[in-house]
């Protein structure tokens, strides 16, 4: 089942417009930032095929990313760095990235739909939706924007730190990544508070 615009429509009927959808990517990797996106879709001009970014191929995500960027009323992307993740923990860093994404929107939302069950506090009302990227078009759009953006960031980090293969595993703890970590030690983009980095190396 594809996500729809029904929750946004309910908010609009209650006088809450614009509605922003928010999602993040990168909570689990051993390296790189956590990235959040906030998207306010245009109800009369939405890309077709919006869904959870994990269900899409890379080419489909790229196509939809371009369509979202061209048609949405506002798009904002923000991140929290590996250093910030180590300093305040991944949960707080994720909430920080989400707040930054909403603050960066060119259009101020009146209501926010957030993927998950642990939303940050915003200046406007919000609703958390578990599996929201499969329920809300706005959240699905945010998931695509966040994923494409973070993948591109990890590709750039791969060019700076080629020994780790970031462009292939985008920082997740694959066998290849763990082997590179054991052979070379961590780089500045690694999360020193995450196992297997934690307790072995210090920033």
Protein backbone atom coordinates (compact mmCIF):
# COMPACT_ATOMS: atom_id res chain seq x y z
CA UNK A 1 0.00 0.00 0.00
CA UNK A 2 1.41 3.38 -0.99
CA UNK A 3 1.28 6.37 1.35
CA UNK A 4 -1.44 8.94 0.78
CA UNK A 5 -2.24 12.56 1.61
CA UNK A 6 -5.12 11.84 4.00
CA UNK A 7 -3.40 12.97 7.20
CA UNK A 8 -2.31 16.17 5.54
CA UNK A 9 -5.87 16.70 4.30
CA UNK A 10 -7.22 16.23 7.84
CA UNK A 11 -4.79 18.84 9.14
CA UNK A 12 -5.77 21.26 6.37
CA UNK A 13 -9.46 20.75 7.23
CA UNK A 14 -8.61 21.67 10.82
CA UNK A 15 -7.02 24.90 9.65
CA UNK A 16 -3.45 23.65 9.97
CA UNK A 17 -1.60 24.53 6.80
CA UNK A 18 1.15 24.28 5.63
CA UNK A 19 1.95 20.70 6.69
CA UNK A 20 5.54 19.47 6.71
CA UNK A 21 6.64 15.86 6.66
CA UNK A 22 9.89 14.92 8.39
CA UNK A 23 12.08 11.83 8.23
CA UNK A 24 15.70 10.98 8.98
CA UNK A 25 18.30 8.56 7.76
CA UNK A 26 21.56 7.38 9.28
CA UNK A 27 20.83 6.47 12.88
CA UNK A 28 22.55 3.10 12.68
CA UNK A 29 25.83 3.57 10.76
CA UNK A 30 29.26 3.57 12.36
CA UNK A 31 30.29 6.68 10.44
CA UNK A 32 28.92 9.85 8.93
CA UNK A 33 26.14 12.23 9.95
CA UNK A 34 22.51 11.61 10.72
CA UNK A 35 20.46 13.53 8.16
CA UNK A 36 16.90 14.82 8.43
CA UNK A 37 14.69 16.30 5.74
CA UNK A 38 11.52 18.38 6.00
CA UNK A 39 9.21 18.70 2.99
CA UNK A 40 6.04 20.71 2.40
CA UNK A 41 4.35 19.23 -0.66
CA UNK A 42 2.08 21.16 -2.99
CA UNK A 43 -1.30 19.38 -2.73
CA UNK A 44 -2.09 20.08 -6.38
CA UNK A 45 1.30 19.07 -7.76
CA UNK A 46 2.77 16.00 -6.11
CA UNK A 47 5.21 13.53 -7.69
CA UNK A 48 3.77 10.12 -8.47
CA UNK A 49 5.19 7.03 -6.79
CA UNK A 50 6.15 8.52 -3.43
CA UNK A 51 6.92 5.81 -0.89
CA UNK A 52 9.44 4.74 1.73
CA UNK A 53 12.90 5.42 0.27
CA UNK A 54 14.06 1.93 1.33
CA UNK A 55 11.58 0.41 -1.13
CA UNK A 56 12.95 2.34 -4.11
CA UNK A 57 15.94 1.74 -6.34
CA UNK A 58 18.66 4.37 -6.44
CA UNK A 59 17.47 5.57 -9.86
CA UNK A 60 13.88 5.86 -8.64
CA UNK A 61 15.01 7.83 -5.60
CA UNK A 62 17.05 10.19 -7.77
CA UNK A 63 14.08 10.77 -10.10
CA UNK A 64 11.71 11.47 -7.24
CA UNK A 65 14.27 13.65 -5.48
CA UNK A 66 14.42 15.87 -8.55
CA UNK A 67 10.63 15.99 -8.84
CA UNK A 68 10.22 16.82 -5.15
CA UNK A 69 12.80 19.60 -5.41
CA UNK A 70 10.99 21.03 -8.46
CA UNK A 71 7.41 20.81 -7.18
CA UNK A 72 7.41 21.08 -3.38
CA UNK A 73 6.49 24.33 -1.66
CA UNK A 74 9.55 24.02 0.58
CA UNK A 75 12.36 21.53 1.19
CA UNK A 76 14.99 21.65 3.90
CA UNK A 77 17.78 19.24 4.80
CA UNK A 78 19.90 19.33 7.95
CA UNK A 79 22.30 17.03 9.73
CA UNK A 80 24.13 16.34 12.96
CA UNK A 81 27.77 15.36 12.62
CA UNK A 82 29.57 12.34 14.00
CA UNK A 83 31.18 14.62 16.60
CA UNK A 84 27.75 15.85 17.69
CA UNK A 85 26.43 12.29 17.81
CA UNK A 86 29.29 11.31 20.12
CA UNK A 87 28.73 14.38 22.30
CA UNK A 88 24.96 14.16 22.82
CA UNK A 89 24.05 10.56 21.70
CA UNK A 90 22.31 9.43 18.54
CA UNK A 91 18.78 10.04 19.79
CA UNK A 92 19.44 13.65 20.72
CA UNK A 93 21.44 14.20 17.53
CA UNK A 94 18.53 12.87 15.46
CA UNK A 95 16.08 15.21 17.18
CA UNK A 96 18.53 18.07 16.66
CA UNK A 97 18.78 17.35 12.94
CA UNK A 98 14.98 17.28 12.68
CA UNK A 99 14.63 20.62 14.46
CA UNK A 100 17.30 22.10 12.19
CA UNK A 101 15.48 20.82 9.11
CA UNK A 102 12.18 22.41 10.15
CA UNK A 103 13.92 25.66 11.09
CA UNK A 104 15.47 25.75 7.61
CA UNK A 105 12.15 25.62 5.73
CA UNK A 106 11.49 28.72 3.66
CA UNK A 107 7.79 28.34 4.50
CA UNK A 108 6.87 28.09 8.19
CA UNK A 109 4.72 24.98 8.81
CA UNK A 110 1.56 25.05 10.91
CA UNK A 111 1.66 21.29 11.50
CA UNK A 112 4.38 18.65 11.32
CA UNK A 113 4.11 14.93 10.60
CA UNK A 114 7.16 13.01 11.89
CA UNK A 115 8.19 9.46 11.10
CA UNK A 116 8.59 7.31 14.22
CA UNK A 117 7.37 7.54 17.78
CA UNK A 118 9.88 9.97 19.28
CA UNK A 119 9.45 13.42 17.74
CA UNK A 120 11.26 16.55 18.95
CA UNK A 121 9.31 19.57 20.13
CA UNK A 122 8.48 22.17 17.51
CA UNK A 123 6.98 25.63 17.56
CA UNK A 124 3.82 24.19 15.99
CA UNK A 125 1.69 21.09 16.68
CA UNK A 126 3.03 17.77 15.46
CA UNK A 127 2.07 14.11 15.15
CA UNK A 128 4.38 11.11 15.23
CA UNK A 129 3.54 8.24 12.88
CA UNK A 130 5.21 4.86 13.29
CA UNK A 131 5.97 3.70 9.76
CA UNK A 132 5.06 7.18 8.57
CA UNK A 133 7.03 6.85 5.34
CA UNK A 134 4.49 4.18 4.35
CA UNK A 135 1.50 6.28 5.47
CA UNK A 136 2.11 9.93 4.59
CA UNK A 137 3.19 11.30 1.22
CA UNK A 138 4.94 14.20 2.96
CA UNK A 139 6.99 11.88 5.17
CA UNK A 140 7.75 9.61 2.21
CA UNK A 141 9.04 12.61 0.29
CA UNK A 142 11.20 13.59 3.26
CA UNK A 143 12.59 10.05 3.47
CA UNK A 144 13.65 10.22 -0.19
CA UNK A 145 15.28 13.62 0.18
CA UNK A 146 17.14 12.56 3.33
CA UNK A 147 18.36 9.29 1.80
CA UNK A 148 19.57 10.80 -1.48
CA UNK A 149 21.27 13.65 0.37
CA UNK A 150 23.06 11.42 2.87
CA UNK A 151 24.18 8.95 0.18
CA UNK A 152 25.74 11.87 -1.71
CA UNK A 153 27.43 13.09 1.47
CA UNK A 154 28.90 9.62 2.08
CA UNK A 155 30.16 9.48 -1.52
CA UNK A 156 32.01 12.74 -0.93
CA UNK A 157 33.44 11.38 2.32
CA UNK A 158 34.56 8.29 0.41
CA UNK A 159 36.63 10.50 -1.87
CA UNK A 160 38.32 11.98 1.21
CA UNK A 161 38.70 8.66 3.05
CA UNK A 162 38.86 5.99 0.30
CA UNK A 163 40.15 3.18 2.53
CA UNK A 164 36.72 2.64 4.12
CA UNK A 165 34.45 2.27 1.09
CA UNK A 166 31.84 4.72 2.37
CA UNK A 167 30.19 5.03 -1.06
CA UNK A 168 29.32 1.32 -1.00
CA UNK A 169 27.99 0.81 2.53
CA UNK A 170 27.30 4.50 3.44
CA UNK A 171 28.83 3.96 6.85
CA UNK A 172 26.91 0.89 8.00
CA UNK A 173 28.79 -1.85 9.81
CA UNK A 174 29.24 -4.27 6.94
CA UNK A 175 31.98 -6.90 7.00
CA UNK A 176 33.96 -4.80 4.53
CA UNK A 177 33.64 -1.69 6.69
CA UNK A 178 34.61 -3.52 9.88
CA UNK A 179 37.64 -5.02 8.15
CA UNK A 180 38.75 -1.58 6.97
CA UNK A 181 38.20 -0.19 10.44
CA UNK A 182 40.35 -2.94 11.95
CA UNK A 183 43.07 -2.38 9.37
CA UNK A 184 43.19 1.43 9.39
CA UNK A 185 41.53 2.55 12.60
CA UNK A 186 38.79 5.17 12.58
CA UNK A 187 38.80 8.42 10.63
CA UNK A 188 37.32 11.72 11.88
CA UNK A 189 33.93 10.74 10.38
CA UNK A 190 33.54 7.66 12.58
CA UNK A 191 31.25 7.62 15.59
CA UNK A 192 33.51 6.89 18.52
CA UNK A 193 30.54 6.22 20.81
CA UNK A 194 29.39 3.29 18.63
CA UNK A 195 30.68 -0.27 18.90
CA UNK A 196 33.06 -1.53 17.53
CA UNK A 197 34.77 1.88 17.72
CA UNK A 198 33.78 2.49 21.33
CA UNK A 199 36.33 1.34 23.85
CA UNK A 200 38.98 0.65 21.20
CA UNK A 201 39.86 4.12 19.95
CA UNK A 202 39.41 7.64 21.31
CA UNK A 203 38.65 10.72 19.29
